[in-house]
Protein backbone atom coordinates (compact mmCIF):
# COMPACT_ATOMS: atom_id res chain seq x y z
CA MET A 1 -37.94 -12.29 -4.80
CA GLN A 2 -36.72 -14.37 -7.76
CA ARG A 3 -33.77 -13.42 -9.94
CA THR A 4 -33.09 -14.39 -13.54
CA SER A 5 -29.45 -15.26 -14.18
CA TYR A 6 -27.67 -14.93 -17.52
CA LYS A 7 -23.96 -15.64 -18.15
CA PHE A 8 -21.65 -14.72 -21.02
CA GLN A 9 -17.97 -14.13 -21.85
CA VAL A 10 -16.37 -10.85 -22.92
CA LYS A 11 -13.15 -10.48 -24.90
CA ASP A 12 -12.05 -7.16 -23.45
CA VAL A 13 -12.98 -7.01 -19.75
CA SER A 14 -11.35 -3.62 -19.21
CA LYS A 15 -13.39 -2.05 -22.01
CA PHE A 16 -16.60 -3.73 -20.84
CA LYS A 17 -16.08 -2.44 -17.28
CA LYS A 18 -15.67 1.14 -18.53
CA GLN A 19 -18.78 0.88 -20.71
CA LEU A 20 -20.74 -0.62 -17.84
CA LEU A 21 -19.90 2.23 -15.47
CA ILE A 22 -20.75 4.90 -18.06
CA TRP A 23 -24.08 3.21 -18.84
CA ALA A 24 -24.91 3.04 -15.12
CA GLN A 25 -24.84 6.83 -14.81
CA LYS A 26 -28.45 7.16 -15.96
CA PHE A 27 -29.53 5.55 -12.66
CA GLU A 28 -29.96 7.52 -9.44
CA ILE A 29 -28.39 4.86 -7.21
CA VAL A 30 -25.26 3.02 -8.31
CA VAL A 31 -22.65 0.87 -6.54
CA TRP A 32 -19.55 -0.15 -8.50
CA LEU A 33 -16.91 -2.27 -6.76
CA ASP A 34 -13.64 -3.10 -8.54
CA SER A 35 -10.69 -5.15 -7.26
CA ASN A 36 -8.52 -3.98 -10.19
CA ASN A 37 -7.22 -7.57 -10.49
CA TYR A 38 -5.13 -7.01 -7.38
CA ASP A 39 -3.50 -10.25 -6.26
CA GLN A 40 -5.48 -11.06 -3.12
CA LYS A 41 -7.05 -14.45 -2.56
CA TYR A 42 -10.25 -13.67 -0.66
CA SER A 43 -12.48 -11.87 -3.19
CA ASN A 44 -15.42 -13.66 -4.82
CA PHE A 45 -15.63 -11.26 -7.77
CA ASP A 46 -13.26 -9.03 -9.75
CA ALA A 47 -15.92 -6.34 -10.13
CA VAL A 48 -19.59 -5.83 -9.29
CA LEU A 49 -22.22 -3.35 -10.45
CA ALA A 50 -25.50 -2.96 -8.53
CA ILE A 51 -28.09 -0.43 -9.69
CA ASP A 52 -31.63 0.82 -9.20
CA PRO A 53 -33.34 -0.16 -5.90
CA VAL A 54 -36.35 -2.42 -5.73
CA SER A 55 -36.22 -1.81 -1.94
CA LYS A 56 -33.94 0.20 0.34
CA ILE A 57 -33.16 1.21 3.90
CA GLU A 58 -32.00 4.71 4.84
CA SER A 59 -31.46 5.68 8.45
CA SER A 60 -29.77 7.92 10.95
CA TYR A 61 -27.54 6.16 13.48
CA LYS A 62 -30.43 5.70 15.97
CA ASN A 63 -31.37 2.00 16.07
CA ALA A 64 -29.58 1.63 12.73
CA PHE A 65 -28.30 -1.91 13.33
CA SER A 66 -31.66 -3.24 14.51
CA GLN A 67 -33.34 -1.69 11.44
CA LEU A 68 -30.70 -3.22 9.18
CA LYS A 69 -31.08 -6.61 10.88
CA LYS A 70 -34.84 -6.55 10.24
CA TYR A 71 -34.37 -5.41 6.64
CA GLN A 72 -31.71 -8.00 5.79
CA SER A 73 -33.75 -10.79 7.42
CA GLU A 74 -36.84 -9.90 5.41
CA VAL A 75 -35.18 -9.28 2.03
CA LYS A 76 -32.77 -12.27 2.00
CA ASP A 77 -31.32 -11.07 -1.30
CA PHE A 78 -28.26 -9.18 -2.51
CA ILE A 79 -28.05 -5.90 -0.58
CA PHE A 80 -25.48 -3.19 -1.35
CA GLY A 81 -24.63 -0.01 0.50
CA TYR A 82 -22.73 1.60 3.33
CA LEU A 83 -22.53 1.99 7.09
CA GLY A 84 -21.23 5.43 8.06
CA TYR A 85 -18.69 5.83 10.84
CA ASP A 86 -21.22 7.58 13.09
CA LEU A 87 -23.12 4.33 13.58
CA LYS A 88 -20.65 4.11 16.48
CA ASN A 89 -23.29 6.12 18.35
CA ASP A 90 -25.75 3.23 17.96
CA VAL A 91 -23.20 0.71 19.25
CA GLU A 92 -21.92 2.77 22.20
CA ASN A 93 -23.02 5.80 24.20
CA LEU A 94 -21.18 8.26 21.94
CA THR A 95 -22.00 11.42 20.01
CA SER A 96 -20.99 13.18 16.78
CA SER A 97 -21.17 16.98 16.88
CA ASN A 98 -18.42 18.11 14.49
CA PHE A 99 -18.97 20.06 11.26
CA ASP A 100 -20.60 18.15 8.37
CA GLY A 101 -20.36 19.66 4.88
CA LEU A 102 -21.50 16.52 3.06
CA HIS A 103 -24.77 15.40 4.71
CA PHE A 104 -24.83 11.75 3.68
CA PRO A 105 -27.37 9.58 5.54
CA ASP A 106 -25.67 7.59 8.34
CA LEU A 107 -26.78 4.30 6.76
CA PHE A 108 -27.99 3.41 3.28
CA LEU A 109 -28.39 -0.03 1.70
CA PHE A 110 -30.56 -1.24 -1.16
CA GLN A 111 -31.72 -4.35 -2.99
CA PRO A 112 -30.78 -3.81 -6.66
CA LYS A 113 -33.08 -4.56 -9.57
CA LYS A 114 -30.03 -5.21 -11.74
CA LEU A 115 -26.73 -6.83 -10.78
CA PHE A 116 -23.57 -7.55 -12.83
CA LEU A 117 -20.92 -9.89 -11.38
CA ILE A 118 -17.56 -10.06 -13.17
CA LYS A 119 -14.94 -12.77 -12.63
CA GLY A 120 -12.13 -13.12 -15.14
CA ASN A 121 -13.73 -12.87 -18.61
CA SER A 122 -17.05 -14.14 -17.32
CA VAL A 123 -20.03 -11.85 -16.64
CA GLU A 124 -23.11 -12.99 -14.75
CA ILE A 125 -26.22 -10.82 -14.84
CA LYS A 126 -28.80 -11.26 -12.09
CA TYR A 127 -32.00 -9.26 -12.68
CA ILE A 128 -35.10 -9.31 -10.52
CA SER A 129 -37.24 -11.61 -12.67
CA THR A 130 -39.90 -8.98 -13.46
CA PHE A 131 -37.16 -6.98 -15.24
CA GLU A 132 -35.53 -9.88 -17.16
CA HIS A 133 -37.06 -8.63 -20.43
CA GLU A 134 -34.71 -5.61 -20.19
CA ILE A 135 -31.49 -7.68 -20.28
CA GLU A 136 -31.12 -7.75 -24.07
CA THR A 137 -31.83 -4.02 -24.51
CA ASP A 138 -29.49 -3.11 -21.65
CA LEU A 139 -26.61 -5.16 -23.12
CA GLU A 140 -27.10 -3.48 -26.51
CA LYS A 141 -26.86 -0.04 -24.87
CA ILE A 142 -23.83 -1.03 -22.77
CA ASN A 143 -21.98 -2.27 -25.87
CA GLN A 144 -22.82 0.69 -28.12
CA PRO A 145 -19.79 2.70 -29.25
CA LYS A 146 -19.52 5.76 -27.04
CA ALA A 147 -19.15 9.26 -28.40
CA LYS A 148 -16.41 11.26 -26.75
CA SER A 149 -17.92 12.79 -23.65
CA GLN A 150 -18.05 16.54 -23.40
CA LYS A 151 -16.24 17.61 -20.25
CA PRO A 152 -18.34 19.99 -18.15
CA LYS A 153 -17.17 23.57 -17.98
CA ILE A 154 -16.02 24.28 -14.46
CA LYS A 155 -16.10 27.97 -13.58
CA ASN A 156 -13.98 27.89 -10.45
CA LYS A 157 -10.64 26.18 -10.25
CA LEU A 158 -10.65 23.91 -7.22
CA LYS A 159 -9.03 25.46 -4.20
CA ILE A 160 -8.29 22.87 -1.52
CA LYS A 161 -8.39 24.09 2.06
CA LEU A 162 -7.35 22.50 5.36
CA ARG A 163 -9.91 22.06 8.12
CA ILE A 164 -7.02 21.75 10.61
CA HIS A 165 -3.96 23.89 9.90
CA LYS A 166 -0.48 22.55 10.48
CA ASP A 167 0.20 24.24 13.85
CA ASP A 168 -3.19 23.16 15.18
CA TYR A 169 -2.52 19.63 13.94
CA TYR A 170 0.68 19.51 16.00
CA LYS A 171 -1.14 20.81 19.10
CA LYS A 172 -3.91 18.25 18.73
CA LEU A 173 -1.40 15.46 18.16
CA ASN A 174 0.43 16.41 21.33
CA THR A 175 -2.90 16.21 23.18
CA VAL A 176 -3.32 12.65 21.85
CA LEU A 177 0.23 11.84 22.99
CA ASN A 178 -0.57 13.20 26.47
CA HIS A 179 -3.57 10.85 26.65
CA ILE A 180 -1.26 7.96 25.71
CA ARG A 181 1.31 8.93 28.34
CA ARG A 182 -1.45 9.09 30.98
CA GLY A 183 -2.57 5.59 30.01
CA ASP A 184 -6.03 6.65 28.73
CA ILE A 185 -5.33 4.91 25.39
CA TYR A 186 -2.54 3.02 23.63
CA GLU A 187 -3.31 4.23 20.11
CA ALA A 188 -5.69 6.62 18.35
CA ASN A 189 -6.40 7.11 14.67
CA PHE A 190 -6.51 10.89 14.34
CA CYS A 191 -7.88 12.29 11.07
CA GLN A 192 -8.09 15.61 9.28
CA GLU A 193 -10.19 16.89 6.38
CA PHE A 194 -9.17 18.67 3.19
CA TYR A 195 -12.08 20.32 1.37
CA SER A 196 -13.21 22.62 -1.40
CA ASP A 197 -16.49 24.49 -1.19
CA ASN A 198 -18.49 26.08 -4.01
CA SER A 199 -16.86 23.52 -6.32
CA THR A 200 -18.11 21.33 -9.16
CA ILE A 201 -16.47 18.11 -10.31
CA ASN A 202 -17.25 15.31 -12.76
CA PRO A 203 -17.60 12.30 -10.40
CA VAL A 204 -17.04 9.58 -13.02
CA GLU A 205 -13.95 11.30 -14.36
CA ILE A 206 -12.52 11.83 -10.86
CA TYR A 207 -13.19 8.19 -9.96
CA GLN A 208 -11.61 6.90 -13.19
CA ASN A 209 -8.52 9.07 -12.74
CA LEU A 210 -8.17 8.11 -9.07
CA ASN A 211 -8.59 4.44 -9.93
CA GLU A 212 -6.05 4.69 -12.74
CA ILE A 213 -3.28 6.02 -10.48
CA SER A 214 -4.18 3.88 -7.44
CA LYS A 215 -5.51 0.54 -8.80
CA ALA A 216 -6.82 -0.30 -5.34
CA PRO A 217 -8.28 -3.73 -4.47
CA PHE A 218 -11.43 -2.18 -2.93
CA ALA A 219 -12.13 0.65 -5.36
CA THR A 220 -15.68 2.00 -5.15
CA TYR A 221 -17.88 4.33 -7.15
CA PHE A 222 -21.07 5.01 -5.19
CA LYS A 223 -23.78 7.35 -6.44
CA LEU A 224 -26.67 8.13 -4.12
CA ASN A 225 -28.71 10.73 -6.01
CA ASP A 226 -26.48 13.84 -5.71
CA ASN A 227 -24.04 12.34 -3.20
CA TYR A 228 -20.92 10.52 -4.41
CA LEU A 229 -18.20 8.33 -2.95
CA LEU A 230 -15.14 7.96 -5.19
CA SER A 231 -12.81 5.57 -3.43
CA ALA A 232 -9.42 3.93 -3.93
CA SER A 233 -9.47 1.94 -0.70
CA PRO A 234 -6.79 -0.71 -0.19
CA GLU A 235 -8.39 -2.13 2.98
CA ARG A 236 -10.90 -4.87 3.73
CA TYR A 237 -12.91 -4.42 6.92
CA LEU A 238 -14.71 -7.74 7.22
CA LYS A 239 -15.70 -10.69 5.05
CA LYS A 240 -17.99 -13.57 5.94
CA ASP A 241 -17.95 -16.72 3.83
CA GLY A 242 -20.13 -19.43 5.41
CA GLU A 243 -18.75 -20.01 8.89
CA ASN A 244 -15.45 -18.28 8.10
CA LEU A 245 -14.78 -14.66 8.96
CA ILE A 246 -11.72 -12.55 8.12
CA SER A 247 -10.58 -9.01 8.86
CA GLN A 248 -7.51 -7.41 7.25
CA PRO A 249 -6.50 -4.28 9.16
CA ILE A 250 -3.92 -1.93 7.65
CA LYS A 251 -1.51 -0.10 9.90
CA GLY A 252 1.99 0.89 8.81
CA THR A 253 2.80 3.02 5.77
CA GLU A 254 5.87 3.71 3.64
CA LYS A 255 6.22 5.70 0.44
CA ARG A 256 7.07 4.16 -2.94
CA ALA A 257 10.47 4.67 -4.54
CA ALA A 258 11.39 5.45 -8.14
CA THR A 259 13.29 2.18 -8.70
CA LYS A 260 12.74 -1.49 -7.79
CA LYS A 261 16.02 -1.53 -5.89
CA GLU A 262 15.04 1.44 -3.72
CA ASP A 263 11.53 0.00 -3.29
CA ALA A 264 13.05 -3.25 -1.98
CA LYS A 265 15.01 -1.27 0.63
CA LEU A 266 11.85 0.56 1.74
CA ILE A 267 9.93 -2.74 2.00
CA ALA A 268 12.69 -4.28 4.13
CA ALA A 269 12.76 -1.18 6.36
CA LEU A 270 8.96 -1.24 6.78
CA GLU A 271 9.04 -4.94 7.71
CA GLN A 272 11.50 -4.17 10.52
CA ASN A 273 10.06 -0.81 11.64
CA SER A 274 9.18 -1.27 15.32
CA LYS A 275 6.81 1.72 15.46
CA GLU A 276 4.82 0.67 12.37
CA ARG A 277 4.66 -2.95 13.55
CA ALA A 278 3.49 -1.83 17.01
CA GLU A 279 0.65 0.17 15.39
CA ASN A 280 -0.45 -2.90 13.46
CA ILE A 281 -0.12 -5.40 16.32
CA MET A 282 -2.23 -3.23 18.67
CA ILE A 283 -5.07 -3.27 16.14
CA VAL A 284 -4.65 -7.01 15.53
CA ASP A 285 -5.15 -7.53 19.27
CA LEU A 286 -8.25 -5.33 19.14
CA VAL A 287 -9.71 -7.34 16.21
CA ARG A 288 -8.98 -10.59 18.05
CA ASN A 289 -10.78 -9.22 21.07
CA ASP A 290 -13.79 -8.17 18.95
CA PHE A 291 -13.91 -11.62 17.33
CA SER A 292 -13.73 -13.40 20.68
CA ARG A 293 -17.20 -12.04 21.56
CA PHE A 294 -18.92 -14.34 19.07
CA ALA A 295 -16.32 -16.71 17.53
CA ASN A 296 -16.31 -20.45 18.08
CA LYS A 297 -14.04 -21.17 21.02
CA GLY A 298 -10.39 -21.45 20.08
CA SER A 299 -10.98 -20.47 16.44
CA VAL A 300 -9.54 -16.92 16.47
CA LYS A 301 -6.14 -16.88 14.78
CA VAL A 302 -3.73 -14.55 13.01
CA ASP A 303 -3.10 -15.89 9.51
CA GLU A 304 -0.69 -13.12 8.50
CA LEU A 305 1.02 -10.65 10.81
CA CYS A 306 2.45 -7.39 9.44
CA LYS A 307 2.89 -8.57 5.85
CA VAL A 308 3.98 -5.86 3.39
CA TYR A 309 1.55 -5.28 0.51
CA THR A 310 2.58 -2.90 -2.28
CA PHE A 311 0.18 -0.47 -3.95
CA GLU A 312 0.68 2.17 -6.63
CA GLN A 313 1.16 5.00 -4.11
CA VAL A 314 2.43 3.32 -0.92
CA HIS A 315 3.63 0.14 0.80
CA GLN A 316 1.41 -1.01 3.70
CA LEU A 317 1.60 -3.49 6.57
CA ILE A 318 -1.50 -5.70 6.49
CA SER A 319 -2.49 -8.44 8.92
CA THR A 320 -5.17 -11.08 8.39
CA VAL A 321 -7.21 -12.22 11.39
CA SER A 322 -9.76 -15.03 11.06
CA CYS A 323 -12.25 -17.06 13.08
CA SER A 324 -15.22 -19.36 12.63
CA VAL A 325 -18.75 -18.52 13.74
CA LYS A 326 -21.90 -20.52 14.40
CA ASN A 327 -24.59 -20.50 11.73
CA ASP A 328 -27.18 -19.10 14.13
CA ILE A 329 -25.38 -15.77 14.67
CA HIS A 330 -26.98 -13.05 12.56
CA PRO A 331 -24.61 -11.42 10.03
CA VAL A 332 -25.67 -7.92 11.12
CA ASP A 333 -24.78 -8.77 14.73
CA ILE A 334 -21.25 -9.66 13.56
CA LEU A 335 -20.92 -6.23 11.98
CA LYS A 336 -22.35 -4.51 15.04
CA ASN A 337 -19.94 -6.33 17.37
CA THR A 338 -16.89 -5.19 15.37
CA PHE A 339 -17.97 -1.69 14.28
CA PRO A 340 -16.30 0.71 13.72
CA MET A 341 -13.17 -1.08 12.57
CA GLY A 342 -10.22 -0.83 14.95
CA SER A 343 -7.82 0.41 12.27
CA MET A 344 -9.79 3.68 12.11
CA THR A 345 -10.41 4.15 15.84
CA GLY A 346 -7.62 2.96 18.14
CA ALA A 347 -7.29 1.03 21.36
CA PRO A 348 -9.07 0.75 23.68
CA LYS A 349 -11.76 1.48 21.10
CA ILE A 350 -14.34 3.45 23.12
CA SER A 351 -11.79 5.71 24.84
CA ALA A 352 -10.06 6.35 21.50
CA MET A 353 -13.36 7.24 19.80
CA LYS A 354 -14.19 9.76 22.54
CA ILE A 355 -10.79 11.43 22.25
CA ILE A 356 -10.77 11.66 18.45
CA GLU A 357 -14.34 13.05 18.42
CA GLU A 358 -13.17 15.78 20.79
CA LEU A 359 -10.07 16.67 18.76
CA GLU A 360 -11.17 16.24 15.14
CA GLU A 361 -12.95 19.16 13.45
CA THR A 362 -15.09 17.23 10.95
CA LYS A 363 -17.86 14.67 11.29
CA ARG A 364 -16.42 11.57 9.63
CA GLY A 365 -19.70 10.43 8.09
CA LEU A 366 -18.90 8.02 5.28
CA TYR A 367 -15.15 8.39 5.75
CA SER A 368 -13.84 5.48 7.85
CA GLY A 369 -17.20 3.77 7.53
CA THR A 370 -17.67 0.84 5.16
CA VAL A 371 -19.13 -0.03 1.75
CA GLY A 372 -19.99 -3.53 0.65
CA TYR A 373 -22.72 -6.09 0.18
CA PHE A 374 -24.68 -8.99 1.65
CA THR A 375 -25.45 -12.12 -0.38
CA PRO A 376 -28.86 -13.90 -0.19
CA ASN A 377 -27.46 -16.48 2.28
CA GLY A 378 -26.14 -13.83 4.69
CA ASP A 379 -22.48 -13.79 3.67
CA PHE A 380 -20.92 -10.36 3.21
CA ASP A 381 -17.82 -8.43 2.17
CA PHE A 382 -17.16 -4.85 3.34
CA ASN A 383 -14.23 -2.50 2.80
CA VAL A 384 -12.87 0.44 4.81
CA ILE A 385 -13.66 3.85 3.32
CA ILE A 386 -10.27 5.54 3.11
CA ARG A 387 -8.29 7.19 0.25
CA SER A 388 -11.64 8.56 -0.96
CA VAL A 389 -13.13 11.71 -2.45
CA LEU A 390 -16.62 12.54 -1.16
CA TYR A 391 -18.86 14.95 -3.05
CA ASN A 392 -22.23 16.58 -2.47
CA ALA A 393 -23.16 17.98 -5.89
CA THR A 394 -26.12 19.99 -4.59
CA LYS A 395 -24.05 21.76 -1.94
CA LYS A 396 -21.00 21.87 -4.27
CA TYR A 397 -18.84 20.50 -1.48
CA VAL A 398 -15.81 18.28 -2.15
CA SER A 399 -13.99 16.54 0.69
CA TYR A 400 -11.27 14.02 1.42
CA SER A 401 -9.87 13.02 4.79
CA VAL A 402 -6.70 11.26 5.87
CA GLY A 403 -5.34 10.09 9.18
CA GLY A 404 -2.79 7.96 10.92
CA ALA A 405 -2.31 5.85 14.00
CA ILE A 406 -0.80 7.81 16.87
CA THR A 407 1.21 5.78 19.39
CA SER A 408 3.75 6.65 22.08
CA GLN A 409 6.47 6.51 19.41
CA SER A 410 4.77 9.02 17.10
CA ILE A 411 6.63 12.14 15.99
CA PRO A 412 4.14 14.88 14.97
CA GLU A 413 6.16 16.05 11.95
CA LYS A 414 6.40 12.51 10.56
CA GLU A 415 2.70 11.87 11.18
CA TYR A 416 1.88 15.02 9.21
CA GLU A 417 4.12 13.86 6.34
CA GLU A 418 2.30 10.50 6.33
CA CYS A 419 -1.05 12.30 6.04
CA LEU A 420 0.21 14.26 3.02
CA LEU A 421 1.48 11.02 1.45
CA LYS A 422 -1.93 9.36 1.87
CA ALA A 423 -3.66 12.48 0.50
CA LYS A 424 -1.43 12.70 -2.58
CA ALA A 425 -3.62 10.72 -5.02
CA MET A 426 -6.87 12.52 -4.09
CA LYS A 427 -5.21 15.93 -4.33
CA GLN A 428 -3.63 15.02 -7.67
CA VAL A 429 -6.87 13.99 -9.37
CA LEU A 430 -8.80 16.97 -8.02
CA LEU A 431 -6.22 19.54 -9.06
CA THR A 432 -5.84 18.16 -12.59
CA VAL A 433 -9.53 18.79 -13.39
CA LYS A 434 -9.71 21.17 -16.37
């Protein structure tokens, strides 16, 4: 399917991005990806908007990867969407039987009619050619001065509840530690849900507020009819650029300080923290092992090991693992061979996934899955869905989950504190809704 391309410059990119997202709300299906100009060298675009499907794929986990492979091979166009965590059940003989208050499909991707690609001050529009006559009208509407939006009246003040209470969290964490001591696993990413039922929020407002205080490099606003993902993710899962493949797992967290001097001390401490480094290195080894299944021989390497990256809310240890792949390997097979990402499971991966399914109380669904896109030539870029608010407007259910890597050195009280630190931004934006 042919696309018409049109390029232009904008003076105020920040203003244009806000107008673009507001304009997009009239569509039922919207993906907005924003790097927030974060200083990281691997992104192709600063921001992307994809709207309105000309074709789509929606599936449960059963045979999801084979369906996606067929769809991507036939479409050979830009495809945007997500792979939910529970696609693990398609990759391995696993199950998901925990409570689900959100009810997102396990997999959803679509081929957009209209696509906006932003890099610097440059905007490129790529419309399916049969809709190119709408470009001029759309740009007029996007650039119209906006009246001040009327905030919706929300009857009930949000009350955030814990799916796992503190004492239960400690018990479950000790169970994970017992598995580690027995040698069943080395590390597990154990997660818990915070939620609010019978609640109504303004998704655009929540996303904008979350993005304002987090400025994450993989921020996402995803609207799928009445289901919303509002994400401030700092983590890339996997990017393919020609024969080159990179993964950037995050493991290791430290809070921010009030002053630059104190921040510098925390960064130095995180760099030397043996527990946090061990968490990261275990997952780096797992990623290397995943890559070795399909990488060109001898090409798997660690470009960065445990480098501190600073975000608005936290400091994180991030490693970059890369390899080269042959042109004849299908891009969907690369995803299948590495899914779910090791930073959200543990090591060994299958044993860790079984244990966390048994101990967690909530079906992860979109959380710790991935959002991203394929290009027409089969390249792709996908994030890790963390630091995110999930919302089912029909069921009036709001949810956010957080977790941490549990290793033999973990102290339950400190792990709980880390969860609250990671949850801080989501809680803040939800509780400041008027």
